N, C-alpha and C. Protein backbone atom coordinates (compact mmCIF):
# COMPACT_ATOMS: atom_id res chain seq x y z
N MET A 1 -6.79 66.44 3.10
CA MET A 1 -6.50 67.26 4.25
C MET A 1 -6.53 66.38 5.50
N THR A 2 -5.64 66.61 6.42
CA THR A 2 -5.55 65.79 7.63
C THR A 2 -6.24 66.48 8.78
N ASP A 3 -6.59 65.64 9.73
CA ASP A 3 -7.25 66.15 10.93
C ASP A 3 -6.18 66.56 11.93
N LEU A 4 -6.11 67.83 12.25
CA LEU A 4 -5.10 68.34 13.17
C LEU A 4 -5.62 68.44 14.60
N ASP A 5 -6.83 68.00 14.82
CA ASP A 5 -7.42 68.07 16.15
C ASP A 5 -6.84 66.94 17.02
N PRO A 6 -6.08 67.24 18.08
CA PRO A 6 -5.45 66.20 18.90
C PRO A 6 -6.46 65.36 19.69
N THR A 7 -7.66 65.82 19.87
CA THR A 7 -8.64 65.05 20.63
C THR A 7 -9.43 64.10 19.74
N ALA A 8 -9.22 64.16 18.44
CA ALA A 8 -9.99 63.32 17.52
C ALA A 8 -9.72 61.84 17.76
N SER A 9 -8.47 61.47 17.99
CA SER A 9 -8.17 60.06 18.21
C SER A 9 -8.72 59.60 19.55
N ARG A 10 -8.75 60.46 20.53
CA ARG A 10 -9.31 60.10 21.82
C ARG A 10 -10.82 59.89 21.72
N ARG A 11 -11.46 60.66 20.90
CA ARG A 11 -12.90 60.52 20.74
C ARG A 11 -13.24 59.19 20.09
N ARG A 12 -12.44 58.72 19.16
CA ARG A 12 -12.71 57.45 18.51
C ARG A 12 -12.54 56.28 19.48
N PHE A 13 -11.70 56.46 20.47
CA PHE A 13 -11.44 55.40 21.45
C PHE A 13 -11.90 55.93 22.81
N GLY A 14 -13.20 56.17 22.93
CA GLY A 14 -13.77 56.82 24.11
C GLY A 14 -13.79 55.94 25.34
N SER A 15 -14.23 56.55 26.42
CA SER A 15 -14.25 55.87 27.71
C SER A 15 -15.21 54.68 27.71
N ARG A 16 -16.28 54.74 26.94
CA ARG A 16 -17.20 53.61 26.86
C ARG A 16 -16.51 52.38 26.26
N LYS A 17 -15.75 52.60 25.23
CA LYS A 17 -15.04 51.49 24.60
C LYS A 17 -14.01 50.90 25.55
N ILE A 18 -13.32 51.75 26.27
CA ILE A 18 -12.32 51.27 27.23
C ILE A 18 -12.99 50.44 28.32
N ILE A 19 -14.11 50.91 28.83
CA ILE A 19 -14.84 50.17 29.86
C ILE A 19 -15.31 48.83 29.32
N LEU A 20 -15.81 48.81 28.09
CA LEU A 20 -16.26 47.55 27.49
C LEU A 20 -15.10 46.57 27.29
N ILE A 21 -13.96 47.07 26.88
CA ILE A 21 -12.78 46.22 26.71
C ILE A 21 -12.33 45.64 28.04
N VAL A 22 -12.31 46.46 29.09
CA VAL A 22 -11.92 45.99 30.42
C VAL A 22 -12.92 44.95 30.92
N LEU A 23 -14.22 45.20 30.76
CA LEU A 23 -15.23 44.24 31.19
C LEU A 23 -15.13 42.93 30.42
N ALA A 24 -14.87 43.00 29.13
CA ALA A 24 -14.70 41.79 28.33
C ALA A 24 -13.48 41.00 28.79
N GLY A 25 -12.41 41.71 29.10
CA GLY A 25 -11.20 41.06 29.60
C GLY A 25 -11.45 40.37 30.94
N LEU A 26 -12.18 41.04 31.82
CA LEU A 26 -12.52 40.43 33.12
C LEU A 26 -13.41 39.21 32.94
N ALA A 27 -14.34 39.28 32.02
CA ALA A 27 -15.23 38.14 31.75
C ALA A 27 -14.43 36.96 31.22
N ILE A 28 -13.52 37.20 30.31
CA ILE A 28 -12.69 36.13 29.76
C ILE A 28 -11.82 35.53 30.87
N PHE A 29 -11.25 36.38 31.71
CA PHE A 29 -10.45 35.90 32.83
C PHE A 29 -11.29 35.05 33.78
N GLY A 30 -12.50 35.50 34.08
CA GLY A 30 -13.40 34.76 34.97
C GLY A 30 -13.76 33.40 34.42
N VAL A 31 -14.07 33.33 33.14
CA VAL A 31 -14.41 32.05 32.51
C VAL A 31 -13.20 31.12 32.53
N ALA A 32 -12.04 31.64 32.21
CA ALA A 32 -10.82 30.81 32.22
C ALA A 32 -10.54 30.29 33.63
N LEU A 33 -10.68 31.15 34.63
CA LEU A 33 -10.46 30.74 36.02
C LEU A 33 -11.45 29.66 36.43
N PHE A 34 -12.71 29.81 36.03
CA PHE A 34 -13.73 28.81 36.33
C PHE A 34 -13.32 27.45 35.78
N PHE A 35 -12.90 27.39 34.53
CA PHE A 35 -12.54 26.11 33.92
C PHE A 35 -11.27 25.53 34.53
N ILE A 36 -10.34 26.36 34.91
CA ILE A 36 -9.12 25.88 35.57
C ILE A 36 -9.47 25.25 36.92
N LEU A 37 -10.29 25.95 37.71
CA LEU A 37 -10.68 25.43 39.01
C LEU A 37 -11.54 24.18 38.87
N LYS A 38 -12.42 24.17 37.89
CA LYS A 38 -13.28 23.00 37.68
C LYS A 38 -12.44 21.78 37.32
N SER A 39 -11.42 21.97 36.49
CA SER A 39 -10.59 20.82 36.12
C SER A 39 -9.77 20.33 37.30
N ALA A 40 -9.39 21.22 38.21
CA ALA A 40 -8.61 20.80 39.38
C ALA A 40 -9.51 20.20 40.46
N LEU A 41 -10.67 20.81 40.68
CA LEU A 41 -11.54 20.38 41.78
C LEU A 41 -12.57 19.34 41.36
N GLY A 42 -12.91 19.29 40.09
CA GLY A 42 -13.98 18.41 39.62
C GLY A 42 -13.82 16.96 40.04
N PRO A 43 -12.66 16.33 39.81
CA PRO A 43 -12.50 14.93 40.20
C PRO A 43 -12.60 14.72 41.72
N VAL A 44 -12.14 15.68 42.50
CA VAL A 44 -12.23 15.58 43.96
C VAL A 44 -13.70 15.63 44.38
N ILE A 45 -14.42 16.59 43.83
CA ILE A 45 -15.84 16.72 44.15
C ILE A 45 -16.61 15.49 43.71
N ASP A 46 -16.31 14.99 42.53
CA ASP A 46 -16.99 13.78 42.03
C ASP A 46 -16.76 12.59 42.96
N ALA A 47 -15.53 12.41 43.43
CA ALA A 47 -15.23 11.30 44.34
C ALA A 47 -15.95 11.47 45.67
N GLY A 48 -15.99 12.69 46.19
CA GLY A 48 -16.71 12.95 47.44
C GLY A 48 -18.21 12.73 47.28
N GLU A 49 -18.75 13.18 46.15
CA GLU A 49 -20.18 12.98 45.88
C GLU A 49 -20.52 11.49 45.79
N ALA A 50 -19.67 10.72 45.12
CA ALA A 50 -19.91 9.28 44.98
C ALA A 50 -19.89 8.59 46.35
N PHE A 51 -18.95 8.99 47.22
CA PHE A 51 -18.86 8.42 48.56
C PHE A 51 -20.12 8.73 49.36
N MET A 52 -20.52 10.00 49.35
CA MET A 52 -21.71 10.41 50.11
C MET A 52 -22.98 9.74 49.56
N ALA A 53 -23.08 9.63 48.24
CA ALA A 53 -24.26 8.99 47.64
C ALA A 53 -24.31 7.51 48.01
N ALA A 54 -23.16 6.85 48.04
CA ALA A 54 -23.12 5.44 48.44
C ALA A 54 -23.57 5.28 49.89
N LEU A 55 -23.15 6.19 50.76
CA LEU A 55 -23.59 6.14 52.16
C LEU A 55 -25.10 6.37 52.25
N ARG A 56 -25.58 7.38 51.51
CA ARG A 56 -27.01 7.68 51.52
C ARG A 56 -27.83 6.47 51.08
N ASP A 57 -27.35 5.78 50.04
CA ASP A 57 -28.08 4.65 49.46
C ASP A 57 -27.81 3.34 50.19
N ARG A 58 -27.07 3.41 51.28
CA ARG A 58 -26.71 2.23 52.07
C ARG A 58 -25.91 1.21 51.26
N ASN A 59 -25.16 1.71 50.31
CA ASN A 59 -24.27 0.85 49.52
C ASN A 59 -22.88 0.94 50.14
N ASP A 60 -22.73 0.32 51.30
CA ASP A 60 -21.48 0.42 52.05
C ASP A 60 -20.32 -0.25 51.33
N THR A 61 -20.60 -1.22 50.50
CA THR A 61 -19.53 -1.87 49.72
C THR A 61 -18.92 -0.86 48.76
N GLN A 62 -19.76 -0.08 48.11
CA GLN A 62 -19.27 0.95 47.18
C GLN A 62 -18.54 2.05 47.95
N ALA A 63 -19.08 2.47 49.09
CA ALA A 63 -18.42 3.50 49.90
C ALA A 63 -17.06 3.01 50.39
N TYR A 64 -17.01 1.76 50.81
CA TYR A 64 -15.75 1.17 51.28
C TYR A 64 -14.73 1.12 50.15
N ALA A 65 -15.19 0.80 48.95
CA ALA A 65 -14.30 0.75 47.78
C ALA A 65 -13.76 2.13 47.42
N ALA A 66 -14.49 3.20 47.79
CA ALA A 66 -14.04 4.56 47.51
C ALA A 66 -12.99 5.03 48.51
N ALA A 67 -12.79 4.26 49.57
CA ALA A 67 -11.81 4.62 50.60
C ALA A 67 -10.41 4.19 50.17
N ALA A 68 -9.44 4.95 50.60
CA ALA A 68 -8.03 4.61 50.36
C ALA A 68 -7.67 3.39 51.19
N PRO A 69 -6.66 2.63 50.77
CA PRO A 69 -6.27 1.43 51.52
C PRO A 69 -5.99 1.69 53.00
N ASP A 70 -5.38 2.82 53.35
CA ASP A 70 -5.12 3.12 54.76
C ASP A 70 -6.41 3.24 55.55
N LEU A 71 -7.41 3.90 54.98
CA LEU A 71 -8.69 4.04 55.66
C LEU A 71 -9.40 2.69 55.73
N GLN A 72 -9.32 1.91 54.68
CA GLN A 72 -9.92 0.58 54.71
C GLN A 72 -9.31 -0.27 55.83
N GLN A 73 -8.02 -0.13 56.00
CA GLN A 73 -7.34 -0.88 57.06
C GLN A 73 -7.83 -0.42 58.44
N ARG A 74 -7.98 0.89 58.63
CA ARG A 74 -8.46 1.40 59.92
C ARG A 74 -9.90 0.95 60.19
N LEU A 75 -10.73 0.90 59.14
CA LEU A 75 -12.13 0.47 59.31
C LEU A 75 -12.23 -1.04 59.52
N GLY A 76 -11.30 -1.77 58.97
CA GLY A 76 -11.27 -3.21 59.13
C GLY A 76 -12.03 -3.96 58.05
N SER A 77 -13.23 -3.51 57.73
CA SER A 77 -14.05 -4.19 56.72
C SER A 77 -15.22 -3.28 56.36
N VAL A 78 -16.03 -3.75 55.43
CA VAL A 78 -17.25 -3.01 55.08
C VAL A 78 -18.12 -2.88 56.32
N GLY A 79 -18.15 -3.92 57.13
CA GLY A 79 -18.93 -3.88 58.38
C GLY A 79 -18.45 -2.79 59.31
N GLY A 80 -17.15 -2.55 59.33
CA GLY A 80 -16.61 -1.47 60.15
C GLY A 80 -17.08 -0.10 59.67
N LEU A 81 -17.19 0.05 58.38
CA LEU A 81 -17.73 1.30 57.83
C LEU A 81 -19.19 1.45 58.21
N THR A 82 -19.95 0.36 58.09
CA THR A 82 -21.38 0.40 58.42
C THR A 82 -21.59 0.85 59.86
N VAL A 83 -20.85 0.27 60.80
CA VAL A 83 -20.99 0.63 62.21
C VAL A 83 -20.60 2.09 62.42
N THR A 84 -19.54 2.53 61.74
CA THR A 84 -19.04 3.90 61.92
C THR A 84 -20.04 4.94 61.45
N VAL A 85 -20.71 4.69 60.34
CA VAL A 85 -21.58 5.73 59.75
C VAL A 85 -23.07 5.49 59.97
N ASP A 86 -23.44 4.41 60.63
CA ASP A 86 -24.86 4.06 60.70
C ASP A 86 -25.73 5.17 61.28
N ASN A 87 -25.25 5.91 62.25
CA ASN A 87 -26.05 7.01 62.81
C ASN A 87 -25.89 8.32 62.02
N TYR A 88 -25.07 8.29 61.00
CA TYR A 88 -24.77 9.49 60.23
C TYR A 88 -25.03 9.27 58.73
N ARG A 89 -26.10 8.63 58.39
CA ARG A 89 -26.45 8.43 56.98
C ARG A 89 -26.92 9.75 56.39
N PRO A 90 -26.20 10.28 55.42
CA PRO A 90 -26.62 11.57 54.84
C PRO A 90 -27.82 11.40 53.92
N SER A 91 -28.69 12.40 53.92
CA SER A 91 -29.76 12.42 52.92
C SER A 91 -29.53 13.56 51.94
N GLN A 92 -28.96 14.65 52.44
CA GLN A 92 -28.61 15.80 51.59
C GLN A 92 -27.32 16.42 52.11
N TRP A 93 -26.56 17.01 51.21
CA TRP A 93 -25.33 17.68 51.62
C TRP A 93 -24.99 18.75 50.61
N SER A 94 -24.18 19.68 51.06
CA SER A 94 -23.73 20.78 50.21
C SER A 94 -22.32 21.16 50.64
N TRP A 95 -21.42 21.22 49.67
CA TRP A 95 -20.02 21.55 49.99
C TRP A 95 -19.85 23.06 49.96
N SER A 96 -19.46 23.63 51.08
CA SER A 96 -19.19 25.07 51.13
C SER A 96 -17.71 25.37 50.95
N THR A 97 -16.87 24.39 51.22
CA THR A 97 -15.43 24.56 51.05
C THR A 97 -14.90 23.39 50.23
N ARG A 98 -14.15 23.74 49.20
CA ARG A 98 -13.53 22.74 48.32
C ARG A 98 -12.11 23.21 48.06
N SER A 99 -11.15 22.32 48.25
CA SER A 99 -9.77 22.73 47.98
C SER A 99 -8.91 21.53 47.63
N VAL A 100 -7.85 21.83 46.90
CA VAL A 100 -6.81 20.84 46.60
C VAL A 100 -5.48 21.55 46.81
N ARG A 101 -4.67 20.99 47.71
CA ARG A 101 -3.35 21.54 47.99
C ARG A 101 -2.37 20.40 48.19
N ASN A 102 -1.28 20.47 47.47
CA ASN A 102 -0.22 19.46 47.61
C ASN A 102 -0.75 18.04 47.47
N GLY A 103 -1.65 17.83 46.55
CA GLY A 103 -2.17 16.49 46.29
C GLY A 103 -3.19 15.99 47.30
N ILE A 104 -3.68 16.87 48.16
CA ILE A 104 -4.69 16.50 49.15
C ILE A 104 -5.93 17.34 48.89
N GLY A 105 -7.06 16.67 48.75
CA GLY A 105 -8.32 17.35 48.54
C GLY A 105 -9.13 17.38 49.82
N ASP A 106 -9.79 18.50 50.07
CA ASP A 106 -10.65 18.65 51.24
C ASP A 106 -12.00 19.17 50.80
N LEU A 107 -13.05 18.53 51.32
CA LEU A 107 -14.41 18.98 51.10
C LEU A 107 -15.06 19.12 52.47
N SER A 108 -15.76 20.21 52.69
CA SER A 108 -16.51 20.35 53.93
C SER A 108 -17.77 21.16 53.66
N GLY A 109 -18.78 20.88 54.45
CA GLY A 109 -20.03 21.59 54.26
C GLY A 109 -21.10 21.07 55.18
N SER A 110 -22.32 21.43 54.85
CA SER A 110 -23.45 21.06 55.69
C SER A 110 -24.08 19.78 55.18
N VAL A 111 -24.68 19.05 56.12
CA VAL A 111 -25.33 17.78 55.78
C VAL A 111 -26.61 17.65 56.59
N THR A 112 -27.62 17.05 55.98
CA THR A 112 -28.83 16.66 56.69
C THR A 112 -28.82 15.14 56.71
N TYR A 113 -28.95 14.59 57.91
CA TYR A 113 -28.92 13.14 58.06
C TYR A 113 -30.31 12.57 57.85
N GLN A 114 -30.38 11.28 57.60
CA GLN A 114 -31.65 10.64 57.29
C GLN A 114 -32.65 10.75 58.43
N GLY A 115 -32.20 10.92 59.64
CA GLY A 115 -33.10 11.12 60.77
C GLY A 115 -33.65 12.54 60.86
N GLY A 116 -33.14 13.44 60.01
CA GLY A 116 -33.62 14.81 60.00
C GLY A 116 -32.70 15.81 60.68
N ASN A 117 -31.75 15.33 61.47
CA ASN A 117 -30.81 16.24 62.13
C ASN A 117 -29.81 16.79 61.11
N GLY A 118 -29.32 17.99 61.40
CA GLY A 118 -28.32 18.61 60.55
C GLY A 118 -26.96 18.57 61.21
N GLY A 119 -25.94 18.79 60.41
CA GLY A 119 -24.59 18.81 60.94
C GLY A 119 -23.61 19.20 59.86
N THR A 120 -22.37 18.80 60.07
CA THR A 120 -21.32 19.09 59.10
C THR A 120 -20.67 17.80 58.64
N ALA A 121 -20.16 17.85 57.45
CA ALA A 121 -19.43 16.71 56.88
C ALA A 121 -18.09 17.22 56.39
N GLU A 122 -17.05 16.45 56.66
CA GLU A 122 -15.72 16.78 56.18
C GLU A 122 -15.12 15.52 55.56
N LEU A 123 -14.59 15.67 54.35
CA LEU A 123 -13.91 14.57 53.68
C LEU A 123 -12.51 15.00 53.30
N ARG A 124 -11.57 14.12 53.45
CA ARG A 124 -10.20 14.34 52.97
C ARG A 124 -9.92 13.26 51.94
N LEU A 125 -9.32 13.67 50.84
CA LEU A 125 -9.06 12.75 49.73
C LEU A 125 -7.62 12.87 49.27
N SER A 126 -7.10 11.78 48.74
CA SER A 126 -5.78 11.75 48.12
C SER A 126 -5.86 10.87 46.89
N LYS A 127 -4.94 11.11 45.96
CA LYS A 127 -4.88 10.26 44.78
C LYS A 127 -4.14 8.97 45.12
N VAL A 128 -4.78 7.85 44.81
CA VAL A 128 -4.18 6.54 44.99
C VAL A 128 -4.26 5.85 43.64
N ASP A 129 -3.11 5.55 43.07
CA ASP A 129 -3.05 4.93 41.73
C ASP A 129 -3.86 5.73 40.70
N GLY A 130 -3.76 7.05 40.80
CA GLY A 130 -4.41 7.93 39.82
C GLY A 130 -5.88 8.18 40.06
N VAL A 131 -6.43 7.68 41.16
CA VAL A 131 -7.86 7.85 41.46
C VAL A 131 -7.99 8.53 42.81
N TRP A 132 -8.87 9.53 42.89
CA TRP A 132 -9.11 10.20 44.17
C TRP A 132 -9.88 9.26 45.09
N ARG A 133 -9.35 9.05 46.30
CA ARG A 133 -9.95 8.16 47.29
C ARG A 133 -10.10 8.90 48.62
N ILE A 134 -11.08 8.49 49.39
CA ILE A 134 -11.33 9.07 50.70
C ILE A 134 -10.24 8.56 51.67
N THR A 135 -9.54 9.46 52.32
CA THR A 135 -8.53 9.05 53.30
C THR A 135 -9.00 9.28 54.73
N ALA A 136 -10.00 10.16 54.89
CA ALA A 136 -10.57 10.42 56.21
C ALA A 136 -11.93 11.10 56.02
N PHE A 137 -12.80 10.90 57.00
CA PHE A 137 -14.09 11.58 56.99
C PHE A 137 -14.53 11.84 58.42
N ARG A 138 -15.34 12.88 58.57
CA ARG A 138 -15.88 13.21 59.89
C ARG A 138 -17.27 13.79 59.70
N PHE A 139 -18.20 13.28 60.48
CA PHE A 139 -19.56 13.80 60.49
C PHE A 139 -19.87 14.27 61.89
N ASN A 140 -20.46 15.46 62.01
CA ASN A 140 -20.86 16.01 63.31
C ASN A 140 -22.35 16.22 63.31
């Protein structure tokens, strides 16, 4: 004998199941979006972190090497970088804005300098020979 009740199929696929399916779909979408953004932004963030860590550790040679050739030319030498950042040695930083558009990466956020003062840090990066390099920076 068959079930002639038209609501029987709706009961088997109730509102709880629909809500769970929608939530699972949103979770899967969120995880996928996270990994897509991480793969796009990860190398930019890593390059910015390496630059800031080199400045913090007073490894100006490493920081200079992280700069794009155009920025290196503007700085003149490792000594030029040292003079430029000497009053702005970061001790801690946090990126509040991270983006990559048209092959240009931007990082900006808050920074605490080694003297204890706070401010903002902004880095601009571009790919040079397949490696993300600092093309400009500003500390306030």
